[in-house]
Amino acid sequence: MKLVLFDLDNTLLAGDSDYEWGQFLIAKGAVDGPDYEAKNKAFYEAYKAGGLDIYAFLAFALHPLATHPRAQLDAWRAEYIETRVRTMIPQAARDLVRRHLDEADLVAVITATNSFITAPIAQELGVEHLIATEPEQVDGRFTGKVAGTPCFREGKIVRLGQFLEAHDTRLDDLDTSWFYSDSHNDLPLLEKVRYPVAVDPDPLLRARALERAWPVISLRQP
């Protein structure tokens, strides 16, 4: 079996869907603008620097899901996908995904961003399988908490293992495995697959990729 995994933010997307969702909520007046923007930026900078407290971030990022009716959230999400996300998907990313969908047995997007935001993005890319951080729901309403293991750093390995178990296999049993990512935060999983690929990588990942002779590609540049 051939497995292909794609990180989402700053890999298949030319931007970060989690950060941009926060900016979108500010523009809609759904959150306290100045305070939320400052915290959104601080968490994003911590992520890029490799020092993100994932649970503190999720307490912040998932709170708006618990404070607005689901119908309103769904309407905002549809507008967000249409007005902000589609323009963030390079044609080269669509082409790469399509090629692997034609060739691989199992293709999935694996992302730390929560599934409420990312499910329609994976669908837009034509990818059936999504492994993402899951917001907790009770009786169909978001609680503002995370369900299970966040899909971040080593948590991606945990969540991938659960996903593969549901497909009656394990990573070590696969014929081949690929993972495309831009971020040094994904090094734990990049080290586990047979074919790691750095995509428009941050400086730390670029250095590791060059050290290990991993392919380095761009989905943004010609």
Protein backbone atom coordinates (compact mmCIF):
# COMPACT_ATOMS: atom_id res chain seq x y z
CA MET A 1 0.00 0.00 0.00
CA LYS A 2 1.23 3.49 -0.88
CA LEU A 3 0.38 6.29 1.59
CA VAL A 4 0.70 9.99 0.80
CA LEU A 5 0.27 12.62 3.51
CA PHE A 6 0.03 16.37 3.05
CA ASP A 7 0.38 19.03 5.69
CA LEU A 8 -2.05 21.85 4.91
CA ASP A 9 -1.04 25.29 6.18
CA ASN A 10 1.84 26.85 4.26
CA THR A 11 2.22 23.56 2.39
CA LEU A 12 -0.79 23.02 0.16
CA LEU A 13 -2.00 26.48 1.14
CA ALA A 14 0.00 29.65 0.56
CA GLY A 15 -0.89 30.79 4.05
CA ASP A 16 -2.18 29.52 7.39
CA SER A 17 -5.88 28.66 7.53
CA ASP A 18 -6.01 28.76 11.34
CA TYR A 19 -4.48 32.24 11.55
CA GLU A 20 -6.60 33.53 8.65
CA TRP A 21 -9.78 32.15 10.25
CA GLY A 22 -8.98 34.23 13.32
CA GLN A 23 -8.48 37.31 11.16
CA PHE A 24 -11.75 36.57 9.39
CA LEU A 25 -13.61 36.38 12.73
CA ILE A 26 -12.15 39.76 13.65
CA ALA A 27 -13.39 41.24 10.38
CA LYS A 28 -16.87 39.82 11.03
CA GLY A 29 -16.96 41.32 14.53
CA ALA A 30 -17.33 37.84 16.01
CA VAL A 31 -14.50 38.33 18.53
CA ASP A 32 -12.90 41.21 20.43
CA GLY A 33 -10.79 42.65 17.63
CA PRO A 34 -7.64 44.21 19.20
CA ASP A 35 -7.24 41.62 21.96
CA TYR A 36 -7.96 38.65 19.70
CA GLU A 37 -5.66 39.91 16.94
CA ALA A 38 -2.77 40.38 19.37
CA LYS A 39 -3.18 36.88 20.78
CA ASN A 40 -3.69 35.36 17.32
CA LYS A 41 -0.44 36.89 16.12
CA ALA A 42 1.45 35.87 19.28
CA PHE A 43 0.36 32.24 18.97
CA TYR A 44 1.27 32.20 15.28
CA GLU A 45 4.75 33.56 16.01
CA ALA A 46 5.20 30.95 18.75
CA TYR A 47 4.20 28.24 16.28
CA LYS A 48 6.75 29.42 13.73
CA ALA A 49 9.44 29.59 16.41
CA GLY A 50 8.69 26.06 17.61
CA GLY A 51 7.47 27.09 21.05
CA LEU A 52 3.70 26.80 20.73
CA ASP A 53 1.76 25.55 23.75
CA ILE A 54 -0.82 23.63 21.76
CA TYR A 55 -3.34 23.36 24.59
CA ALA A 56 -3.19 27.08 25.36
CA PHE A 57 -3.61 27.81 21.67
CA LEU A 58 -6.57 25.46 21.29
CA ALA A 59 -8.29 26.99 24.32
CA PHE A 60 -8.00 30.29 22.47
CA ALA A 61 -8.78 29.10 18.94
CA LEU A 62 -11.73 26.83 19.78
CA HIS A 63 -13.47 29.28 22.11
CA PRO A 64 -15.33 31.13 19.31
CA LEU A 65 -16.82 27.82 18.14
CA ALA A 66 -18.50 27.49 21.55
CA THR A 67 -19.86 31.04 21.66
CA HIS A 68 -21.81 31.22 18.40
CA PRO A 69 -24.70 29.12 17.03
CA ARG A 70 -23.71 26.35 14.64
CA ALA A 71 -25.78 27.81 11.81
CA GLN A 72 -23.88 31.09 12.10
CA LEU A 73 -20.54 29.30 12.26
CA ASP A 74 -21.40 27.28 9.15
CA ALA A 75 -22.38 30.45 7.26
CA TRP A 76 -19.17 32.20 8.26
CA ARG A 77 -17.10 29.16 7.30
CA ALA A 78 -18.68 28.98 3.83
CA GLU A 79 -17.90 32.67 3.29
CA TYR A 80 -14.38 32.18 4.62
CA ILE A 81 -13.66 29.30 2.25
CA GLU A 82 -15.05 31.22 -0.71
CA THR A 83 -13.40 34.58 -0.05
CA ARG A 84 -10.10 33.66 1.58
CA VAL A 85 -9.13 30.01 1.23
CA ARG A 86 -9.65 29.35 -2.48
CA THR A 87 -7.22 32.13 -3.35
CA MET A 88 -4.64 30.50 -1.04
CA ILE A 89 -4.47 27.25 -3.04
CA PRO A 90 -1.75 27.36 -5.71
CA GLN A 91 -2.48 25.48 -8.93
CA ALA A 92 0.73 23.52 -8.38
CA ALA A 93 -0.70 22.22 -5.09
CA ARG A 94 -3.88 21.08 -6.81
CA ASP A 95 -1.82 19.36 -9.51
CA LEU A 96 0.39 17.56 -6.98
CA VAL A 97 -2.59 16.31 -5.00
CA ARG A 98 -4.34 15.14 -8.16
CA ARG A 99 -1.25 13.22 -9.29
CA HIS A 100 -0.97 11.40 -5.99
CA LEU A 101 -4.69 10.67 -5.90
CA ASP A 102 -4.25 8.92 -9.23
CA GLU A 103 -1.23 6.91 -8.04
CA ALA A 104 -1.59 6.22 -4.31
CA ASP A 105 -3.78 3.80 -2.39
CA LEU A 106 -4.38 6.19 0.50
CA VAL A 107 -4.08 10.00 0.49
CA ALA A 108 -4.78 12.20 3.50
CA VAL A 109 -4.40 15.76 4.69
CA ILE A 110 -2.86 15.77 8.18
CA THR A 111 -3.01 19.10 10.00
CA ALA A 112 -2.93 20.67 13.44
CA THR A 113 -5.73 23.03 12.41
CA ASN A 114 -9.11 21.89 13.66
CA SER A 115 -11.44 19.85 11.46
CA PHE A 116 -14.26 22.42 11.49
CA ILE A 117 -12.05 24.72 9.44
CA THR A 118 -10.14 22.15 7.42
CA ALA A 119 -12.79 19.60 6.38
CA PRO A 120 -14.12 21.78 3.54
CA ILE A 121 -10.55 22.65 2.51
CA ALA A 122 -9.65 18.99 2.13
CA GLN A 123 -12.86 18.55 0.17
CA GLU A 124 -11.93 21.50 -2.06
CA LEU A 125 -8.64 19.74 -2.78
CA GLY A 126 -10.43 16.49 -3.59
CA VAL A 127 -8.93 14.62 -0.62
CA GLU A 128 -11.34 12.26 1.09
CA HIS A 129 -9.33 11.60 4.24
CA LEU A 130 -8.58 14.28 6.84
CA ILE A 131 -6.56 13.80 10.02
CA ALA A 132 -6.97 16.98 12.06
CA THR A 133 -7.32 18.29 15.58
CA GLU A 134 -10.89 17.53 16.63
CA PRO A 135 -13.02 20.08 18.51
CA GLU A 136 -15.11 18.47 21.22
CA GLN A 137 -18.87 18.42 20.62
CA VAL A 138 -21.70 17.63 23.02
CA ASP A 139 -25.19 17.24 21.56
CA GLY A 140 -24.03 18.82 18.33
CA ARG A 141 -22.57 21.94 19.96
CA PHE A 142 -18.89 22.77 20.26
CA THR A 143 -17.62 22.99 23.83
CA GLY A 144 -14.45 25.00 23.14
CA LYS A 145 -12.31 22.03 24.18
CA VAL A 146 -10.25 19.56 22.17
CA ALA A 147 -11.30 15.94 21.75
CA GLY A 148 -8.49 13.40 21.96
CA THR A 149 -4.89 14.05 20.99
CA PRO A 150 -4.16 17.33 19.16
CA CYS A 151 -2.76 16.61 15.70
CA PHE A 152 0.44 18.53 16.37
CA ARG A 153 4.12 17.52 16.42
CA GLU A 154 4.34 14.02 17.97
CA GLY A 155 0.55 14.05 18.12
CA LYS A 156 0.51 13.68 14.35
CA ILE A 157 2.21 10.30 14.74
CA VAL A 158 -0.39 9.25 17.31
CA ARG A 159 -3.30 10.38 15.18
CA LEU A 160 -1.83 8.81 12.03
CA GLY A 161 -1.46 5.52 13.88
CA GLN A 162 -5.12 5.62 14.87
CA PHE A 163 -6.10 6.45 11.28
CA LEU A 164 -4.05 3.59 9.83
CA GLU A 165 -5.36 1.17 12.44
CA ALA A 166 -8.87 2.00 11.25
CA HIS A 167 -7.65 0.99 7.78
CA ASP A 168 -6.20 -2.28 9.09
CA THR A 169 -2.57 -1.34 8.63
CA ARG A 170 0.42 0.30 10.29
CA LEU A 171 3.01 2.77 9.03
CA ASP A 172 5.77 0.16 9.27
CA ASP A 173 3.73 -2.29 7.18
CA LEU A 174 3.22 0.04 4.22
CA ASP A 175 5.11 -0.49 0.97
CA THR A 176 5.92 3.21 0.83
CA SER A 177 4.93 6.46 2.54
CA TRP A 178 5.29 10.13 1.67
CA PHE A 179 4.82 13.27 3.75
CA TYR A 180 4.90 16.82 2.39
CA SER A 181 5.37 19.64 4.90
CA ASP A 182 6.72 23.17 5.25
CA SER A 183 7.33 23.18 9.00
CA HIS A 184 10.01 22.04 11.43
CA ASN A 185 7.12 21.28 13.79
CA ASP A 186 6.46 18.28 11.53
CA LEU A 187 9.94 16.80 11.89
CA PRO A 188 8.72 13.96 14.16
CA LEU A 189 6.48 12.62 11.39
CA LEU A 190 8.85 13.53 8.57
CA GLU A 191 11.43 11.32 10.26
CA LYS A 192 8.96 8.39 10.29
CA VAL A 193 7.97 8.19 6.62
CA ARG A 194 10.05 6.71 3.84
CA TYR A 195 9.91 9.79 1.60
CA PRO A 196 9.85 13.12 3.46
CA VAL A 197 9.51 16.19 1.23
CA ALA A 198 10.09 19.78 2.36
CA VAL A 199 7.68 22.20 0.67
CA ASP A 200 8.57 25.91 0.73
CA PRO A 201 10.20 25.05 4.07
CA ASP A 202 10.89 27.30 7.03
CA PRO A 203 14.62 27.82 7.75
CA LEU A 204 14.90 25.04 10.33
CA LEU A 205 13.23 22.47 8.11
CA ARG A 206 15.24 23.60 5.09
CA ALA A 207 18.47 23.07 7.02
CA ARG A 208 17.40 19.60 8.15
CA ALA A 209 16.24 18.69 4.64
CA LEU A 210 19.58 19.71 3.14
CA GLU A 211 21.42 17.82 5.87
CA ARG A 212 19.40 14.66 5.19
CA ALA A 213 19.27 15.11 1.40
CA TRP A 214 15.48 15.28 1.43
CA PRO A 215 13.80 16.79 -1.63
CA VAL A 216 12.98 20.49 -1.30
CA ILE A 217 10.23 21.78 -3.59
CA SER A 218 8.08 24.85 -4.03
CA LEU A 219 4.38 24.92 -4.82
CA ARG A 220 4.38 28.73 -5.05
CA GLN A 221 7.25 29.50 -7.38
CA PRO A 222 7.30 28.58 -11.10
